[in-house]
Amino acid sequence: MQRKNVAFPVTEEEHAKIKQLAAKQRRTIKQLILDALDKLYPNWNREEKENGSK
């Protein structure tokens, strides 16, 4: 599967807060965002999970 990047602008303060949240949970920013998507949209990534990739 080809990988893609997702990027969007945030302020320095937003970035620092997101980074702190991730560090507090011992996760990467990517993991933090994907976990948030899982909570808001439980089946958004169902097909990939069924195939064993994330």
N, C-alpha and C. Protein backbone atom coordinates (compact mmCIF):
# COMPACT_ATOMS: atom_id res chain seq x y z
N MET A 1 0.84 -1.17 0.00
CA MET A 1 0.00 0.00 0.00
C MET A 1 0.89 1.24 0.00
N GLN A 2 0.56 2.17 -0.86
CA GLN A 2 1.31 3.42 -0.93
C GLN A 2 0.96 4.32 0.25
N ARG A 3 1.94 4.92 0.86
CA ARG A 3 1.74 5.82 2.01
C ARG A 3 1.53 7.24 1.51
N LYS A 4 0.69 7.97 2.22
CA LYS A 4 0.41 9.38 1.93
C LYS A 4 0.65 10.18 3.20
N ASN A 5 0.90 11.47 3.05
CA ASN A 5 1.04 12.36 4.19
C ASN A 5 -0.20 13.22 4.33
N VAL A 6 -0.53 13.53 5.56
CA VAL A 6 -1.63 14.45 5.85
C VAL A 6 -1.02 15.62 6.60
N ALA A 7 -1.27 16.82 6.12
CA ALA A 7 -0.69 18.00 6.76
C ALA A 7 -1.73 19.11 6.82
N PHE A 8 -1.71 19.84 7.91
CA PHE A 8 -2.56 21.02 8.03
C PHE A 8 -1.88 21.99 8.97
N PRO A 9 -2.09 23.27 8.75
CA PRO A 9 -1.41 24.27 9.58
C PRO A 9 -2.03 24.39 10.97
N VAL A 10 -1.18 24.53 11.97
CA VAL A 10 -1.59 24.80 13.33
C VAL A 10 -0.67 25.88 13.89
N THR A 11 -1.13 26.55 14.93
CA THR A 11 -0.28 27.56 15.55
C THR A 11 0.81 26.86 16.36
N GLU A 12 1.82 27.63 16.75
CA GLU A 12 2.87 27.06 17.59
C GLU A 12 2.29 26.54 18.91
N GLU A 13 1.32 27.27 19.45
CA GLU A 13 0.70 26.87 20.71
C GLU A 13 -0.08 25.57 20.56
N GLU A 14 -0.84 25.46 19.46
CA GLU A 14 -1.59 24.23 19.21
C GLU A 14 -0.64 23.04 19.06
N HIS A 15 0.43 23.25 18.31
CA HIS A 15 1.40 22.18 18.11
C HIS A 15 2.01 21.74 19.44
N ALA A 16 2.36 22.70 20.27
CA ALA A 16 2.96 22.38 21.56
C ALA A 16 1.98 21.59 22.43
N LYS A 17 0.70 21.99 22.43
CA LYS A 17 -0.30 21.28 23.23
C LYS A 17 -0.52 19.86 22.72
N ILE A 18 -0.59 19.70 21.40
CA ILE A 18 -0.77 18.37 20.81
C ILE A 18 0.43 17.49 21.15
N LYS A 19 1.61 18.05 21.04
CA LYS A 19 2.84 17.31 21.34
C LYS A 19 2.88 16.90 22.82
N GLN A 20 2.45 17.80 23.70
CA GLN A 20 2.41 17.48 25.14
C GLN A 20 1.42 16.36 25.42
N LEU A 21 0.23 16.43 24.80
CA LEU A 21 -0.76 15.37 24.98
C LEU A 21 -0.21 14.02 24.54
N ALA A 22 0.43 14.00 23.41
CA ALA A 22 1.00 12.75 22.90
C ALA A 22 2.08 12.23 23.84
N ALA A 23 2.95 13.10 24.28
CA ALA A 23 4.04 12.69 25.18
C ALA A 23 3.50 12.17 26.50
N LYS A 24 2.47 12.84 27.02
CA LYS A 24 1.87 12.43 28.29
C LYS A 24 1.32 11.01 28.20
N GLN A 25 0.80 10.64 27.03
CA GLN A 25 0.25 9.30 26.83
C GLN A 25 1.26 8.33 26.22
N ARG A 26 2.49 8.80 26.09
CA ARG A 26 3.57 8.00 25.48
C ARG A 26 3.17 7.48 24.11
N ARG A 27 2.65 8.40 23.29
CA ARG A 27 2.25 8.08 21.92
C ARG A 27 2.86 9.11 20.99
N THR A 28 2.86 8.78 19.72
CA THR A 28 3.27 9.77 18.73
C THR A 28 2.06 10.65 18.42
N ILE A 29 2.29 11.78 17.78
CA ILE A 29 1.18 12.63 17.36
C ILE A 29 0.28 11.85 16.40
N LYS A 30 0.86 11.08 15.52
CA LYS A 30 0.07 10.26 14.59
C LYS A 30 -0.84 9.31 15.36
N GLN A 31 -0.30 8.61 16.36
CA GLN A 31 -1.11 7.68 17.14
C GLN A 31 -2.24 8.43 17.87
N LEU A 32 -1.93 9.59 18.40
CA LEU A 32 -2.93 10.39 19.11
C LEU A 32 -4.09 10.76 18.18
N ILE A 33 -3.76 11.23 16.98
CA ILE A 33 -4.79 11.64 16.02
C ILE A 33 -5.61 10.42 15.55
N LEU A 34 -4.94 9.32 15.24
CA LEU A 34 -5.67 8.13 14.78
C LEU A 34 -6.57 7.58 15.88
N ASP A 35 -6.11 7.60 17.13
CA ASP A 35 -6.95 7.15 18.24
C ASP A 35 -8.17 8.06 18.41
N ALA A 36 -7.97 9.36 18.23
CA ALA A 36 -9.10 10.29 18.32
C ALA A 36 -10.12 10.01 17.22
N LEU A 37 -9.65 9.72 16.01
CA LEU A 37 -10.55 9.37 14.91
C LEU A 37 -11.31 8.08 15.23
N ASP A 38 -10.62 7.11 15.82
CA ASP A 38 -11.28 5.85 16.20
C ASP A 38 -12.42 6.10 17.18
N LYS A 39 -12.22 7.03 18.12
CA LYS A 39 -13.26 7.32 19.11
C LYS A 39 -14.44 8.08 18.50
N LEU A 40 -14.15 9.02 17.60
CA LEU A 40 -15.22 9.81 16.98
C LEU A 40 -15.95 9.05 15.87
N TYR A 41 -15.21 8.25 15.13
CA TYR A 41 -15.76 7.53 13.98
C TYR A 41 -15.31 6.07 14.07
N PRO A 42 -15.94 5.26 14.92
CA PRO A 42 -15.46 3.91 15.23
C PRO A 42 -15.13 3.02 14.03
N ASN A 43 -15.83 3.11 12.94
CA ASN A 43 -15.57 2.22 11.81
C ASN A 43 -14.91 2.91 10.63
N TRP A 44 -14.31 4.06 10.85
CA TRP A 44 -13.74 4.82 9.74
C TRP A 44 -12.61 4.04 9.04
N ASN A 45 -11.94 3.16 9.76
CA ASN A 45 -10.77 2.47 9.23
C ASN A 45 -10.96 0.95 9.26
N ARG A 46 -12.21 0.51 9.27
CA ARG A 46 -12.51 -0.90 9.47
C ARG A 46 -11.84 -1.81 8.45
N GLU A 47 -11.88 -1.45 7.17
CA GLU A 47 -11.33 -2.31 6.13
C GLU A 47 -9.84 -2.55 6.35
N GLU A 48 -9.08 -1.50 6.66
CA GLU A 48 -7.64 -1.67 6.88
C GLU A 48 -7.37 -2.51 8.11
N LYS A 49 -8.15 -2.30 9.18
CA LYS A 49 -7.96 -3.08 10.40
C LYS A 49 -8.23 -4.56 10.14
N GLU A 50 -9.24 -4.85 9.34
CA GLU A 50 -9.57 -6.24 9.01
C GLU A 50 -8.45 -6.90 8.21
N ASN A 51 -7.73 -6.10 7.43
CA ASN A 51 -6.64 -6.64 6.64
C ASN A 51 -5.32 -6.65 7.41
N GLY A 52 -5.34 -6.18 8.66
CA GLY A 52 -4.16 -6.26 9.50
C GLY A 52 -3.18 -5.13 9.37
N SER A 53 -3.52 -4.04 8.72
CA SER A 53 -2.61 -2.91 8.63
C SER A 53 -3.26 -1.68 9.22
N LYS A 54 -2.42 -0.77 9.69
CA LYS A 54 -2.94 0.47 10.27
C LYS A 54 -1.99 1.61 10.01
